[in-house]
C-alpha cells in the first residue's frame, strides 16, 4: 500500500571539469603550444646558435598567442562565441531584422 515512488530528476553534474583553472579541454592547446614553444627555443638556441635573449621571446610566441586566445575568446564564454565574434568582425553586422530586405506580397508575384 505504501510503495516507494522513483522519479528521474536529472540532477547530475554536467560540468566538463577544469584543469589549471581552464574549463573543459581548453588546457590541451595550451600544453601543446607550450611544447611547441620549448621546441622552438631549443632549435633556435642549440642548432642555429641564436642568443638566449632572442630565442626565448621568439619561442614564447606560440604559447603566448594560444594562451591569450583561450583566455580572451574561450574561457567562460558560450560555445561558438569566438566564431560568432570573428564573423561579426568580418561581415560587419550581426543577425537581426532588416525590413528593407523583406519581400512584400507585391514583389513576390
PDB file of N, CA and C in Angstrom:
ATOM      1  N   UNK A   1       0.794  -1.179   0.000  1.00  0.00           N
ATOM      2  CA  UNK A   1       0.000   0.000   0.000  1.00  0.00           C
ATOM      3  C   UNK A   1       0.857   1.273   0.000  1.00  0.00           C
ATOM      4  N   UNK A   2       1.912   1.281   0.781  1.00  0.00           N
ATOM      5  CA  UNK A   2       2.800   2.426   0.879  1.00  0.00           C
ATOM      6  C   UNK A   2       4.057   2.146   0.057  1.00  0.00           C
ATOM      7  N   UNK A   3       3.959   2.267  -1.285  1.00  0.00           N
ATOM      8  CA  UNK A   3       5.076   1.949  -2.177  1.00  0.00           C
ATOM      9  C   UNK A   3       5.975   3.162  -2.387  1.00  0.00           C
ATOM     10  N   UNK A   4       7.247   2.874  -2.579  1.00  0.00           N
ATOM     11  CA  UNK A   4       8.219   3.927  -2.852  1.00  0.00           C
ATOM     12  C   UNK A   4       8.148   4.309  -4.326  1.00  0.00           C
ATOM     13  N   UNK A   5       7.997   5.583  -4.597  1.00  0.00           N
ATOM     14  CA  UNK A   5       7.886   6.055  -5.974  1.00  0.00           C
ATOM     15  C   UNK A   5       9.213   6.679  -6.400  1.00  0.00           C
ATOM     16  N   UNK A   6       9.768   6.231  -7.531  1.00  0.00           N
ATOM     17  CA  UNK A   6      11.035   6.749  -8.039  1.00  0.00           C
ATOM     18  C   UNK A   6      10.785   7.691  -9.207  1.00  0.00           C
ATOM     19  N   UNK A   7      11.466   8.816  -9.187  1.00  0.00           N
ATOM     20  CA  UNK A   7      11.319   9.799 -10.256  1.00  0.00           C
ATOM     21  C   UNK A   7      12.710  10.241 -10.698  1.00  0.00           C
ATOM     22  N   UNK A   8      12.959  10.210 -12.005  1.00  0.00           N
ATOM     23  CA  UNK A   8      14.224  10.708 -12.537  1.00  0.00           C
ATOM     24  C   UNK A   8      14.257  12.220 -12.415  1.00  0.00           C
ATOM     25  N   UNK A   9      15.360  12.756 -11.883  1.00  0.00           N
ATOM     26  CA  UNK A   9      15.454  14.202 -11.680  1.00  0.00           C
ATOM     27  C   UNK A   9      16.522  14.859 -12.546  1.00  0.00           C
ATOM     28  N   UNK A  10      17.383  14.072 -13.165  1.00  0.00           N
ATOM     29  CA  UNK A  10      18.491  14.614 -13.956  1.00  0.00           C
ATOM     30  C   UNK A  10      19.321  15.590 -13.122  1.00  0.00           C
ATOM     31  N   UNK A  11      19.684  15.174 -11.941  1.00  0.00           N
ATOM     32  CA  UNK A  11      20.435  16.021 -11.023  1.00  0.00           C
ATOM     33  C   UNK A  11      21.944  15.845 -11.156  1.00  0.00           C
ATOM     34  N   UNK A  12      22.397  15.259 -12.248  1.00  0.00           N
ATOM     35  CA  UNK A  12      23.824  15.023 -12.423  1.00  0.00           C
ATOM     36  C   UNK A  12      24.554  16.326 -12.720  1.00  0.00           C
ATOM     37  N   UNK A  13      25.821  16.336 -12.414  1.00  0.00           N
ATOM     38  CA  UNK A  13      26.659  17.492 -12.692  1.00  0.00           C
ATOM     39  C   UNK A  13      27.078  17.440 -14.164  1.00  0.00           C
ATOM     40  N   UNK A  14      26.729  18.460 -14.934  1.00  0.00           N
ATOM     41  CA  UNK A  14      27.036  18.488 -16.365  1.00  0.00           C
ATOM     42  C   UNK A  14      28.330  19.237 -16.661  1.00  0.00           C
ATOM     43  N   UNK A  15      29.105  19.505 -15.649  1.00  0.00           N
ATOM     44  CA  UNK A  15      30.342  20.244 -15.836  1.00  0.00           C
ATOM     45  C   UNK A  15      31.369  19.385 -16.566  1.00  0.00           C
ATOM     46  N   UNK A  16      32.132  20.027 -17.440  1.00  0.00           N
ATOM     47  CA  UNK A  16      33.200  19.341 -18.155  1.00  0.00           C
ATOM     48  C   UNK A  16      34.474  19.307 -17.317  1.00  0.00           C
ATOM     49  N   UNK A  17      34.446  19.897 -16.126  1.00  0.00           N
ATOM     50  CA  UNK A  17      35.612  19.923 -15.259  1.00  0.00           C
ATOM     51  C   UNK A  17      36.551  21.062 -15.615  1.00  0.00           C
ATOM     52  N   UNK A  18      37.640  21.135 -14.888  1.00  0.00           N
ATOM     53  CA  UNK A  18      38.633  22.160 -15.187  1.00  0.00           C
ATOM     54  C   UNK A  18      40.021  21.655 -14.798  1.00  0.00           C
ATOM     55  N   UNK A  19      41.006  22.087 -15.543  1.00  0.00           N
ATOM     56  CA  UNK A  19      42.404  21.762 -15.281  1.00  0.00           C
ATOM     57  C   UNK A  19      43.170  23.075 -15.315  1.00  0.00           C
ATOM     58  N   UNK A  20      43.948  23.345 -14.271  1.00  0.00           N
ATOM     59  CA  UNK A  20      44.719  24.576 -14.142  1.00  0.00           C
ATOM     60  C   UNK A  20      43.847  25.819 -14.304  1.00  0.00           C
ATOM     61  N   UNK A  21      42.594  25.725 -13.894  1.00  0.00           N
ATOM     62  CA  UNK A  21      41.683  26.854 -13.973  1.00  0.00           C
ATOM     63  C   UNK A  21      41.049  27.064 -15.333  1.00  0.00           C
ATOM     64  N   UNK A  22      41.334  26.195 -16.293  1.00  0.00           N
ATOM     65  CA  UNK A  22      40.756  26.304 -17.627  1.00  0.00           C
ATOM     66  C   UNK A  22      39.618  25.297 -17.763  1.00  0.00           C
ATOM     67  N   UNK A  23      38.487  25.736 -18.273  1.00  0.00           N
ATOM     68  CA  UNK A  23      37.308  24.886 -18.406  1.00  0.00           C
ATOM     69  C   UNK A  23      37.515  23.789 -19.433  1.00  0.00           C
ATOM     70  N   UNK A  24      36.937  22.624 -19.145  1.00  0.00           N
ATOM     71  CA  UNK A  24      36.892  21.527 -20.103  1.00  0.00           C
ATOM     72  C   UNK A  24      38.264  21.113 -20.601  1.00  0.00           C
ATOM     73  N   UNK A  25      38.384  21.014 -21.913  1.00  0.00           N
ATOM     74  CA  UNK A  25      39.642  20.594 -22.535  1.00  0.00           C
ATOM     75  C   UNK A  25      40.462  21.765 -23.053  1.00  0.00           C
ATOM     76  N   UNK A  26      40.238  22.960 -22.526  1.00  0.00           N
ATOM     77  CA  UNK A  26      40.980  24.125 -23.001  1.00  0.00           C
ATOM     78  C   UNK A  26      42.457  24.070 -22.636  1.00  0.00           C
ATOM     79  N   UNK A  27      42.833  23.202 -21.703  1.00  0.00           N
ATOM     80  CA  UNK A  27      44.237  23.111 -21.337  1.00  0.00           C
ATOM     81  C   UNK A  27      45.057  22.405 -22.412  1.00  0.00           C
ATOM     82  N   UNK A  28      44.409  21.604 -23.259  1.00  0.00           N
ATOM     83  CA  UNK A  28      45.156  20.824 -24.254  1.00  0.00           C
ATOM     84  C   UNK A  28      45.884  21.694 -25.279  1.00  0.00           C
ATOM     85  N   UNK A  29      45.240  22.692 -25.897  1.00  0.00           N
ATOM     86  CA  UNK A  29      46.013  23.536 -26.819  1.00  0.00           C
ATOM     87  C   UNK A  29      47.093  24.346 -26.112  1.00  0.00           C
ATOM     88  N   UNK A  30      46.862  24.692 -24.846  1.00  0.00           N
ATOM     89  CA  UNK A  30      47.871  25.442 -24.096  1.00  0.00           C
ATOM     90  C   UNK A  30      49.103  24.569 -23.854  1.00  0.00           C
ATOM     91  N   UNK A  31      48.890  23.308 -23.481  1.00  0.00           N
ATOM     92  CA  UNK A  31      50.011  22.388 -23.263  1.00  0.00           C
ATOM     93  C   UNK A  31      50.736  22.113 -24.577  1.00  0.00           C
ATOM     94  N   UNK A  32      49.984  21.919 -25.660  1.00  0.00           N
ATOM     95  CA  UNK A  32      50.611  21.665 -26.964  1.00  0.00           C
ATOM     96  C   UNK A  32      51.444  22.867 -27.409  1.00  0.00           C
ATOM     97  N   UNK A  33      50.929  24.073 -27.205  1.00  0.00           N
ATOM     98  CA  UNK A  33      51.695  25.258 -27.603  1.00  0.00           C
ATOM     99  C   UNK A  33      52.906  25.456 -26.699  1.00  0.00           C
ATOM    100  N   UNK A  34      52.819  25.053 -25.431  1.00  0.00           N
ATOM    101  CA  UNK A  34      53.989  25.132 -24.547  1.00  0.00           C
ATOM    102  C   UNK A  34      55.082  24.188 -25.040  1.00  0.00           C
ATOM    103  N   UNK A  35      54.698  22.983 -25.459  1.00  0.00           N
ATOM    104  CA  UNK A  35      55.672  22.040 -26.005  1.00  0.00           C
ATOM    105  C   UNK A  35      56.290  22.589 -27.289  1.00  0.00           C
ATOM    106  N   UNK A  36      55.474  23.195 -28.136  1.00  0.00           N
ATOM    107  CA  UNK A  36      55.983  23.794 -29.374  1.00  0.00           C
ATOM    108  C   UNK A  36      56.945  24.940 -29.064  1.00  0.00           C
ATOM    109  N   UNK A  37      56.601  25.751 -28.082  1.00  0.00           N
ATOM    110  CA  UNK A  37      57.477  26.860 -27.701  1.00  0.00           C
ATOM    111  C   UNK A  37      58.822  26.368 -27.185  1.00  0.00           C
ATOM    112  N   UNK A  38      58.794  25.322 -26.375  1.00  0.00           N
ATOM    113  CA  UNK A  38      60.054  24.749 -25.880  1.00  0.00           C
ATOM    114  C   UNK A  38      60.886  24.213 -27.035  1.00  0.00           C
ATOM    115  N   UNK A  39      60.236  23.559 -27.982  1.00  0.00           N
ATOM    116  CA  UNK A  39      60.947  23.056 -29.155  1.00  0.00           C
ATOM    117  C   UNK A  39      61.556  24.171 -29.978  1.00  0.00           C
ATOM    118  N   UNK A  40      60.826  25.250 -30.172  1.00  0.00           N
ATOM    119  CA  UNK A  40      61.354  26.386 -30.941  1.00  0.00           C
ATOM    120  C   UNK A  40      62.547  27.000 -30.225  1.00  0.00           C
ATOM    121  N   UNK A  41      62.441  27.147 -28.911  1.00  0.00           N
ATOM    122  CA  UNK A  41      63.560  27.707 -28.139  1.00  0.00           C
ATOM    123  C   UNK A  41      64.799  26.826 -28.269  1.00  0.00           C
ATOM    124  N   UNK A  42      64.606  25.513 -28.138  1.00  0.00           N
ATOM    125  CA  UNK A  42      65.750  24.599 -28.236  1.00  0.00           C
ATOM    126  C   UNK A  42      66.378  24.609 -29.626  1.00  0.00           C
ATOM    127  N   UNK A  43      65.546  24.635 -30.651  1.00  0.00           N
ATOM    128  CA  UNK A  43      66.073  24.654 -32.018  1.00  0.00           C
ATOM    129  C   UNK A  43      66.832  25.955 -32.293  1.00  0.00           C
ATOM    130  N   UNK A  44      66.242  27.079 -31.905  1.00  0.00           N
ATOM    131  CA  UNK A  44      66.914  28.359 -32.135  1.00  0.00           C
ATOM    132  C   UNK A  44      68.225  28.454 -31.371  1.00  0.00           C
ATOM    133  N   UNK A  45      68.191  28.054 -30.092  1.00  0.00           N
ATOM    134  CA  UNK A  45      69.367  28.208 -29.247  1.00  0.00           C
ATOM    135  C   UNK A  45      70.460  27.190 -29.573  1.00  0.00           C
ATOM    136  N   UNK A  46      70.047  25.938 -29.809  1.00  0.00           N
ATOM    137  CA  UNK A  46      71.048  24.878 -29.981  1.00  0.00           C
ATOM    138  C   UNK A  46      71.555  24.747 -31.413  1.00  0.00           C
ATOM    139  N   UNK A  47      70.627  24.667 -32.357  1.00  0.00           N
ATOM    140  CA  UNK A  47      71.030  24.403 -33.743  1.00  0.00           C
ATOM    141  C   UNK A  47      71.450  25.661 -34.497  1.00  0.00           C
ATOM    142  N   UNK A  48      70.717  26.737 -34.306  1.00  0.00           N
ATOM    143  CA  UNK A  48      71.015  27.950 -35.060  1.00  0.00           C
ATOM    144  C   UNK A  48      71.877  28.940 -34.275  1.00  0.00           C
ATOM    145  N   UNK A  49      72.205  28.625 -33.030  1.00  0.00           N
ATOM    146  CA  UNK A  49      73.074  29.436 -32.180  1.00  0.00           C
ATOM    147  C   UNK A  49      72.601  30.880 -32.070  1.00  0.00           C
ATOM    148  N   UNK A  50      71.295  31.030 -31.938  1.00  0.00           N
ATOM    149  CA  UNK A  50      70.717  32.353 -31.694  1.00  0.00           C
ATOM    150  C   UNK A  50      70.891  32.651 -30.210  1.00  0.00           C
ATOM    151  N   UNK A  51      71.159  33.884 -29.868  1.00  0.00           N
ATOM    152  CA  UNK A  51      71.373  34.268 -28.469  1.00  0.00           C
ATOM    153  C   UNK A  51      70.141  33.929 -27.625  1.00  0.00           C
ATOM    154  N   UNK A  52      70.360  33.605 -26.348  1.00  0.00           N
ATOM    155  CA  UNK A  52      69.264  33.184 -25.486  1.00  0.00           C
ATOM    156  C   UNK A  52      68.252  34.300 -25.285  1.00  0.00           C
ATOM    157  N   UNK A  53      68.704  35.565 -25.268  1.00  0.00           N
ATOM    158  CA  UNK A  53      67.789  36.677 -25.041  1.00  0.00           C
ATOM    159  C   UNK A  53      66.874  36.918 -26.245  1.00  0.00           C
ATOM    160  N   UNK A  54      67.201  36.345 -27.392  1.00  0.00           N
ATOM    161  CA  UNK A  54      66.334  36.435 -28.561  1.00  0.00           C
ATOM    162  C   UNK A  54      65.549  35.135 -28.761  1.00  0.00           C
ATOM    163  N   UNK A  55      66.123  34.015 -28.364  1.00  0.00           N
ATOM    164  CA  UNK A  55      65.453  32.716 -28.521  1.00  0.00           C
ATOM    165  C   UNK A  55      64.194  32.618 -27.659  1.00  0.00           C
ATOM    166  N   UNK A  56      64.275  33.084 -26.424  1.00  0.00           N
ATOM    167  CA  UNK A  56      63.143  32.960 -25.515  1.00  0.00           C
ATOM    168  C   UNK A  56      61.926  33.781 -25.952  1.00  0.00           C
ATOM    169  N   UNK A  57      62.080  35.050 -26.318  1.00  0.00           N
ATOM    170  CA  UNK A  57      60.890  35.784 -26.784  1.00  0.00           C
ATOM    171  C   UNK A  57      60.301  35.203 -28.075  1.00  0.00           C
ATOM    172  N   UNK A  58      61.156  34.780 -28.999  1.00  0.00           N
ATOM    173  CA  UNK A  58      60.645  34.183 -30.237  1.00  0.00           C
ATOM    174  C   UNK A  58      59.945  32.856 -29.966  1.00  0.00           C
ATOM    175  N   UNK A  59      60.506  32.074 -29.066  1.00  0.00           N
ATOM    176  CA  UNK A  59      59.898  30.796 -28.725  1.00  0.00           C
ATOM    177  C   UNK A  59      58.614  30.936 -27.936  1.00  0.00           C
ATOM    178  N   UNK A  60      58.450  32.030 -27.224  1.00  0.00           N
ATOM    179  CA  UNK A  60      57.256  32.232 -26.402  1.00  0.00           C
ATOM    180  C   UNK A  60      56.047  32.673 -27.213  1.00  0.00           C
ATOM    181  N   UNK A  61      56.227  33.001 -28.476  1.00  0.00           N
ATOM    182  CA  UNK A  61      55.121  33.484 -29.305  1.00  0.00           C
ATOM    183  C   UNK A  61      53.984  32.460 -29.431  1.00  0.00           C
ATOM    184  N   UNK A  62      54.244  31.184 -29.749  1.00  0.00           N
ATOM    185  CA  UNK A  62      53.125  30.240 -29.840  1.00  0.00           C
ATOM    186  C   UNK A  62      52.372  30.067 -28.522  1.00  0.00           C
ATOM    187  N   UNK A  63      53.101  29.963 -27.426  1.00  0.00           N
ATOM    188  CA  UNK A  63      52.458  29.788 -26.122  1.00  0.00           C
ATOM    189  C   UNK A  63      51.671  31.030 -25.730  1.00  0.00           C
ATOM    190  N   UNK A  64      52.272  32.185 -25.890  1.00  0.00           N
ATOM    191  CA  UNK A  64      51.584  33.431 -25.536  1.00  0.00           C
ATOM    192  C   UNK A  64      50.346  33.672 -26.380  1.00  0.00           C
ATOM    193  N   UNK A  65      50.447  33.388 -27.678  1.00  0.00           N
ATOM    194  CA  UNK A  65      49.293  33.568 -28.559  1.00  0.00           C
ATOM    195  C   UNK A  65      48.157  32.622 -28.231  1.00  0.00           C
ATOM    196  N   UNK A  66      48.483  31.365 -27.981  1.00  0.00           N
ATOM    197  CA  UNK A  66      47.448  30.382 -27.655  1.00  0.00           C
ATOM    198  C   UNK A  66      46.804  30.695 -26.321  1.00  0.00           C
ATOM    199  N   UNK A  67      47.593  31.018 -25.320  1.00  0.00           N
ATOM    200  CA  UNK A  67      47.041  31.336 -24.003  1.00  0.00           C
ATOM    201  C   UNK A  67      46.162  32.579 -24.058  1.00  0.00           C
ATOM    202  N   UNK A  68      46.587  33.586 -24.804  1.00  0.00           N
ATOM    203  CA  UNK A  68      45.784  34.794 -24.958  1.00  0.00           C
ATOM    204  C   UNK A  68      44.461  34.486 -25.641  1.00  0.00           C
ATOM    205  N   UNK A  69      44.501  33.691 -26.717  1.00  0.00           N
ATOM    206  CA  UNK A  69      43.283  33.314 -27.435  1.00  0.00           C
ATOM    207  C   UNK A  69      42.318  32.550 -26.526  1.00  0.00           C
ATOM    208  N   UNK A  70      42.841  31.594 -25.790  1.00  0.00           N
ATOM    209  CA  UNK A  70      41.994  30.779 -24.908  1.00  0.00           C
ATOM    210  C   UNK A  70      41.370  31.640 -23.820  1.00  0.00           C
ATOM    211  N   UNK A  71      42.148  32.514 -23.201  1.00  0.00           N
ATOM    212  CA  UNK A  71      41.621  33.326 -22.107  1.00  0.00           C
ATOM    213  C   UNK A  71      40.646  34.404 -22.582  1.00  0.00           C
ATOM    214  N   UNK A  72      40.889  34.975 -23.759  1.00  0.00           N
ATOM    215  CA  UNK A  72      40.016  36.049 -24.241  1.00  0.00           C
ATOM    216  C   UNK A  72      38.741  35.547 -24.931  1.00  0.00           C
ATOM    217  N   UNK A  73      38.847  34.447 -25.684  1.00  0.00           N
ATOM    218  CA  UNK A  73      37.735  34.048 -26.540  1.00  0.00           C
ATOM    219  C   UNK A  73      37.086  32.728 -26.172  1.00  0.00           C
ATOM    220  N   UNK A  74      37.663  31.946 -25.267  1.00  0.00           N
ATOM    221  CA  UNK A  74      37.108  30.635 -24.952  1.00  0.00           C
ATOM    222  C   UNK A  74      36.706  30.466 -23.486  1.00  0.00           C
ATOM    223  N   UNK A  75      37.561  30.896 -22.569  1.00  0.00           N
ATOM    224  CA  UNK A  75      37.358  30.670 -21.147  1.00  0.00           C
ATOM    225  C   UNK A  75      36.135  31.422 -20.647  1.00  0.00           C
ATOM    226  N   UNK A  76      35.163  30.680 -20.133  1.00  0.00           N
ATOM    227  CA  UNK A  76      33.974  31.289 -19.555  1.00  0.00           C
ATOM    228  C   UNK A  76      32.977  31.816 -20.572  1.00  0.00           C
ATOM    229  N   UNK A  77      33.177  31.548 -21.825  1.00  0.00           N
ATOM    230  CA  UNK A  77      32.279  32.025 -22.875  1.00  0.00           C
ATOM    231  C   UNK A  77      31.406  30.875 -23.370  1.00  0.00           C
ATOM    232  N   UNK A  78      30.248  31.170 -23.960  1.00  0.00           N
ATOM    233  CA  UNK A  78      29.404  30.098 -24.502  1.00  0.00           C
ATOM    234  C   UNK A  78      30.047  29.463 -25.736  1.00  0.00           C
ATOM    235  N   UNK A  79      29.638  28.225 -26.064  1.00  0.00           N
ATOM    236  CA  UNK A  79      30.205  27.572 -27.255  1.00  0.00           C
ATOM    237  C   UNK A  79      29.943  28.399 -28.517  1.00  0.00           C
ATOM    238  N   UNK A  80      30.937  28.521 -29.360  1.00  0.00           N
ATOM    239  CA  UNK A  80      30.796  29.253 -30.616  1.00  0.00           C
ATOM    240  C   UNK A  80      30.972  30.752 -30.484  1.00  0.00           C
ATOM    241  N   UNK A  81      31.296  31.244 -29.288  1.00  0.00           N
ATOM    242  CA  UNK A  81      31.452  32.683 -29.085  1.00  0.00           C
ATOM    243  C   UNK A  81      32.542  33.263 -29.969  1.00  0.00           C
ATOM    244  N   UNK A  82      33.685  32.581 -30.036  1.00  0.00           N
ATOM    245  CA  UNK A  82      34.806  33.093 -30.824  1.00  0.00           C
ATOM    246  C   UNK A  82      34.463  33.153 -32.305  1.00  0.00           C
ATOM    247  N   UNK A  83      33.818  32.115 -32.836  1.00  0.00           N
ATOM    248  CA  UNK A  83      33.445  32.118 -34.259  1.00  0.00           C
ATOM    249  C   UNK A  83      32.409  33.194 -34.553  1.00  0.00           C
ATOM    250  N   UNK A  84      31.437  33.361 -33.669  1.00  0.00           N
ATOM    251  CA  UNK A  84      30.432  34.401 -33.875  1.00  0.00           C
ATOM    252  C   UNK A  84      31.057  35.790 -33.838  1.00  0.00           C
ATOM    253  N   UNK A  85      31.988  36.010 -32.922  1.00  0.00           N
ATOM    254  CA  UNK A  85      32.639  37.311 -32.820  1.00  0.00           C
ATOM    255  C   UNK A  85      33.478  37.603 -34.064  1.00  0.00           C
ATOM    256  N   UNK A  86      34.232  36.591 -34.547  1.00  0.00           N
ATOM    257  CA  UNK A  86      35.029  36.793 -35.761  1.00  0.00           C
ATOM    258  C   UNK A  86      34.135  37.042 -36.973  1.00  0.00           C
ATOM    259  N   UNK A  87      33.012  36.346 -37.054  1.00  0.00           N
ATOM    260  CA  UNK A  87      32.078  36.572 -38.148  1.00  0.00           C
ATOM    261  C   UNK A  87      31.505  37.983 -38.085  1.00  0.00           C
ATOM    262  N   UNK A  88      31.215  38.461 -36.880  1.00  0.00           N
ATOM    263  CA  UNK A  88      30.723  39.826 -36.713  1.00  0.00           C
ATOM    264  C   UNK A  88      31.774  40.829 -37.171  1.00  0.00           C
ATOM    265  N   UNK A  89      33.042  40.591 -36.819  1.00  0.00           N
ATOM    266  CA  UNK A  89      34.112  41.499 -37.229  1.00  0.00           C
ATOM    267  C   UNK A  89      34.308  41.486 -38.742  1.00  0.00           C
ATOM    268  N   UNK A  90      34.145  40.324 -39.382  1.00  0.00           N
ATOM    269  CA  UNK A  90      34.374  40.209 -40.823  1.00  0.00           C
ATOM    270  C   UNK A  90      33.219  40.790 -41.623  1.00  0.00           C
ATOM    271  N   UNK A  91      31.991  40.413 -41.269  1.00  0.00           N
ATOM    272  CA  UNK A  91      30.831  40.854 -42.046  1.00  0.00           C
ATOM    273  C   UNK A  91      30.359  42.241 -41.652  1.00  0.00           C
ATOM    274  N   UNK A  92      30.623  42.653 -40.424  1.00  0.00           N
ATOM    275  CA  UNK A  92      30.259  43.992 -40.010  1.00  0.00           C
ATOM    276  C   UNK A  92      28.869  44.125 -39.433  1.00  0.00           C
ATOM    277  N   UNK A  93      28.091  43.089 -39.409  1.00  0.00           N
ATOM    278  CA  UNK A  93      26.765  43.172 -38.799  1.00  0.00           C
ATOM    279  C   UNK A  93      26.385  41.816 -38.246  1.00  0.00           C
ATOM    280  N   UNK A  94      25.506  41.837 -37.289  1.00  0.00           N
ATOM    281  CA  UNK A  94      25.046  40.597 -36.687  1.00  0.00           C
ATOM    282  C   UNK A  94      23.692  40.196 -37.235  1.00  0.00           C
ATOM    283  N   UNK A  95      23.131  39.187 -36.635  1.00  0.00           N
ATOM    284  CA  UNK A  95      21.810  38.715 -37.035  1.00  0.00           C
ATOM    285  C   UNK A  95      20.771  39.700 -36.538  1.00  0.00           C
ATOM    286  N   UNK A  96      19.864  40.066 -37.398  1.00  0.00           N
ATOM    287  CA  UNK A  96      18.807  40.979 -36.991  1.00  0.00           C
ATOM    288  C   UNK A  96      17.799  41.174 -38.110  1.00  0.00           C
ATOM    289  N   UNK A  97      16.719  41.803 -37.772  1.00  0.00           N
ATOM    290  CA  UNK A  97      15.653  42.054 -38.715  1.00  0.00           C
ATOM    291  C   UNK A  97      15.967  43.315 -39.507  1.00  0.00           C
ATOM    292  N   UNK A  98      15.912  43.217 -40.828  1.00  0.00           N
ATOM    293  CA  UNK A  98      16.110  44.362 -41.693  1.00  0.00           C
ATOM    294  C   UNK A  98      14.895  44.434 -42.616  1.00  0.00           C
ATOM    295  N   UNK A  99      14.031  45.382 -42.357  1.00  0.00           N
ATOM    296  CA  UNK A  99      12.775  45.469 -43.093  1.00  0.00           C
ATOM    297  C   UNK A  99      13.003  45.714 -44.584  1.00  0.00           C
ATOM    298  N   UNK A 100      14.062  46.367 -44.956  1.00  0.00           N
ATOM    299  CA  UNK A 100      14.329  46.647 -46.361  1.00  0.00           C
ATOM    300  C   UNK A 100      14.643  45.406 -47.180  1.00  0.00           C
ATOM    301  N   UNK A 101      15.103  44.340 -46.540  1.00  0.00           N
ATOM    302  CA  UNK A 101      15.437  43.127 -47.243  1.00  0.00           C
ATOM    303  C   UNK A 101      14.269  42.156 -47.351  1.00  0.00           C
ATOM    304  N   UNK A 102      13.137  42.475 -46.736  1.00  0.00           N
ATOM    305  CA  UNK A 102      11.998  41.558 -46.727  1.00  0.00           C
ATOM    306  C   UNK A 102      11.179  41.735 -48.006  1.00  0.00           C
ATOM    307  N   UNK A 103      10.708  40.615 -48.536  1.00  0.00           N
ATOM    308  CA  UNK A 103       9.861  40.657 -49.717  1.00  0.00           C
ATOM    309  C   UNK A 103       8.433  41.001 -49.317  1.00  0.00           C
ATOM    310  N   UNK A 104       7.811  41.845 -50.088  1.00  0.00           N
ATOM    311  CA  UNK A 104       6.395  42.154 -49.845  1.00  0.00           C
ATOM    312  C   UNK A 104       5.542  41.283 -50.742  1.00  0.00           C
ATOM    313  N   UNK A 105       4.267  41.268 -50.528  1.00  0.00           N
ATOM    314  CA  UNK A 105       3.355  40.421 -51.313  1.00  0.00           C
ATOM    315  C   UNK A 105       3.373  40.836 -52.782  1.00  0.00           C
ATOM    316  N   UNK A 106       3.560  42.104 -53.096  1.00  0.00           N
ATOM    317  CA  UNK A 106       3.585  42.582 -54.465  1.00  0.00           C
ATOM    318  C   UNK A 106       4.839  42.117 -55.204  1.00  0.00           C
ATOM    319  N   UNK A 107       5.968  42.117 -54.531  1.00  0.00           N
ATOM    320  CA  UNK A 107       7.233  41.744 -55.162  1.00  0.00           C
ATOM    321  C   UNK A 107       7.316  40.249 -55.455  1.00  0.00           C
ATOM    322  N   UNK A 108       6.566  39.445 -54.719  1.00  0.00           N
ATOM    323  CA  UNK A 108       6.623  38.001 -54.913  1.00  0.00           C
ATOM    324  C   UNK A 108       5.929  37.572 -56.195  1.00  0.00           C
ATOM    325  N   UNK A 109       4.981  38.302 -56.692  1.00  0.00           N
ATOM    326  CA  UNK A 109       4.200  37.904 -57.869  1.00  0.00           C
ATOM    327  C   UNK A 109       4.942  38.044 -59.122  1.00  0.00           C
TER     328      UNK A 109
END
